[in-house]
């Protein structure tokens, strides 16, 4: 299982059919999840978003523009920006929405499939 840090989720990431769980969450729950899992891969495609997430306590969120294809068992920690600008004050005020995305909710609880 890989933990993917992303600032978006797209159906293009999925090449197999099936159901997916999209679960709203909090920054604290993502931080706790990351603390209990390894193999973290960042695909944060906006530099300012990566910097802001690092400032918020997610140092693993590094800027990396690359394509990703979902593999069964992976969990995506998705940080969706609520901001459009690049000014620090605007970003800080608007913040993010946070989601877990996976094909089996058991991954979120660390249970085997």
Protein backbone atom coordinates (compact mmCIF):
# COMPACT_ATOMS: atom_id res chain seq x y z
CA UNK A 1 0.00 0.00 0.00
CA UNK A 2 1.23 3.47 -0.87
CA UNK A 3 -0.02 6.68 0.68
CA UNK A 4 -0.40 9.33 -2.01
CA UNK A 5 -0.46 13.03 -1.17
CA UNK A 6 -2.32 14.93 -3.86
CA UNK A 7 -3.96 18.30 -4.36
CA UNK A 8 -6.62 16.84 -6.65
CA UNK A 9 -8.35 13.58 -7.51
CA UNK A 10 -9.42 12.70 -10.99
CA UNK A 11 -11.06 9.63 -12.52
CA UNK A 12 -8.10 9.66 -14.94
CA UNK A 13 -6.03 8.34 -12.02
CA UNK A 14 -8.11 5.15 -12.01
CA UNK A 15 -7.64 2.56 -14.73
CA UNK A 16 -9.70 -0.22 -13.16
CA UNK A 17 -13.43 -0.31 -12.62
CA UNK A 18 -14.84 -0.37 -9.14
CA UNK A 19 -16.20 1.66 -6.28
CA UNK A 20 -14.21 4.30 -4.48
CA UNK A 21 -14.67 5.85 -1.06
CA UNK A 22 -14.27 9.61 -0.84
CA UNK A 23 -14.34 10.47 2.83
CA UNK A 24 -14.14 14.06 4.07
CA UNK A 25 -11.61 14.35 6.87
CA UNK A 26 -9.45 16.82 8.78
CA UNK A 27 -5.82 17.83 8.66
CA UNK A 28 -5.31 16.26 12.10
CA UNK A 29 -6.70 12.89 10.94
CA UNK A 30 -4.46 12.93 7.86
CA UNK A 31 -1.45 13.76 10.04
CA UNK A 32 -2.31 10.84 12.35
CA UNK A 33 -2.76 8.52 9.37
CA UNK A 34 0.63 9.54 7.93
CA UNK A 35 2.29 8.99 11.31
CA UNK A 36 1.07 5.38 11.31
CA UNK A 37 1.96 4.45 7.71
CA UNK A 38 5.03 4.44 5.50
CA UNK A 39 5.61 4.56 1.76
CA UNK A 40 4.36 8.13 1.35
CA UNK A 41 4.50 9.55 -2.18
CA UNK A 42 3.80 13.21 -2.89
CA UNK A 43 2.28 14.28 -6.20
CA UNK A 44 1.39 17.83 -5.10
CA UNK A 45 1.44 19.67 -8.41
CA UNK A 46 1.40 23.27 -7.16
CA UNK A 47 4.46 24.67 -5.43
CA UNK A 48 2.57 27.12 -3.19
CA UNK A 49 0.20 24.33 -2.11
CA UNK A 50 3.14 22.12 -1.11
CA UNK A 51 4.72 25.00 0.82
CA UNK A 52 1.48 25.77 2.64
CA UNK A 53 0.94 22.11 3.59
CA UNK A 54 4.50 21.92 4.90
CA UNK A 55 3.80 25.01 6.99
CA UNK A 56 0.63 23.31 8.31
CA UNK A 57 2.63 20.28 9.51
CA UNK A 58 2.76 17.98 6.50
CA UNK A 59 6.51 18.04 5.62
CA UNK A 60 6.03 15.04 3.32
CA UNK A 61 3.97 17.25 0.98
CA UNK A 62 6.65 18.15 -1.52
CA UNK A 63 6.16 19.71 -4.93
CA UNK A 64 6.23 17.04 -7.63
CA UNK A 65 4.45 17.25 -10.97
CA UNK A 66 4.03 13.68 -12.13
CA UNK A 67 1.21 11.47 -13.25
CA UNK A 68 -0.15 8.84 -10.91
CA UNK A 69 -2.24 5.75 -11.59
CA UNK A 70 -4.19 4.35 -8.65
CA UNK A 71 -3.22 0.87 -7.50
CA UNK A 72 -5.67 -1.20 -5.43
CA UNK A 73 -4.89 -0.74 -1.76
CA UNK A 74 -3.42 2.75 -2.15
CA UNK A 75 -4.88 5.58 -0.09
CA UNK A 76 -4.94 9.10 -1.48
CA UNK A 77 -4.80 11.93 1.03
CA UNK A 78 -6.26 14.75 -1.00
CA UNK A 79 -5.75 18.40 -0.04
CA UNK A 80 -8.12 20.51 -2.14
CA UNK A 81 -7.26 24.22 -2.01
CA UNK A 82 -10.08 26.68 -1.34
CA UNK A 83 -8.00 29.54 -2.69
CA UNK A 84 -7.22 30.91 -6.14
CA UNK A 85 -4.54 33.44 -5.34
CA UNK A 86 -0.91 33.12 -4.43
CA UNK A 87 -0.78 35.60 -1.56
CA UNK A 88 0.04 33.97 1.76
CA UNK A 89 -2.70 35.79 3.73
CA UNK A 90 -5.39 34.79 1.22
CA UNK A 91 -4.25 31.17 1.24
CA UNK A 92 -4.09 31.03 5.02
CA UNK A 93 -7.60 32.47 5.35
CA UNK A 94 -9.21 30.23 2.70
CA UNK A 95 -7.39 26.99 3.57
CA UNK A 96 -8.12 23.51 2.27
CA UNK A 97 -10.72 20.77 2.20
CA UNK A 98 -9.34 17.35 3.11
CA UNK A 99 -10.34 13.91 1.82
CA UNK A 100 -9.28 10.28 1.96
CA UNK A 101 -9.81 8.43 -1.34
CA UNK A 102 -9.49 4.64 -1.62
CA UNK A 103 -11.17 1.63 -3.20
CA UNK A 104 -11.73 -0.17 0.09
CA UNK A 105 -12.59 1.63 3.30
CA UNK A 106 -10.63 -1.00 5.27
CA UNK A 107 -7.37 0.64 4.17
CA UNK A 108 -8.26 3.66 6.27
CA UNK A 109 -8.48 1.44 9.34
CA UNK A 110 -5.33 -0.54 8.54
CA UNK A 111 -7.36 -3.73 8.02
CA UNK A 112 -6.38 -6.32 5.39
CA UNK A 113 -8.62 -6.63 2.31
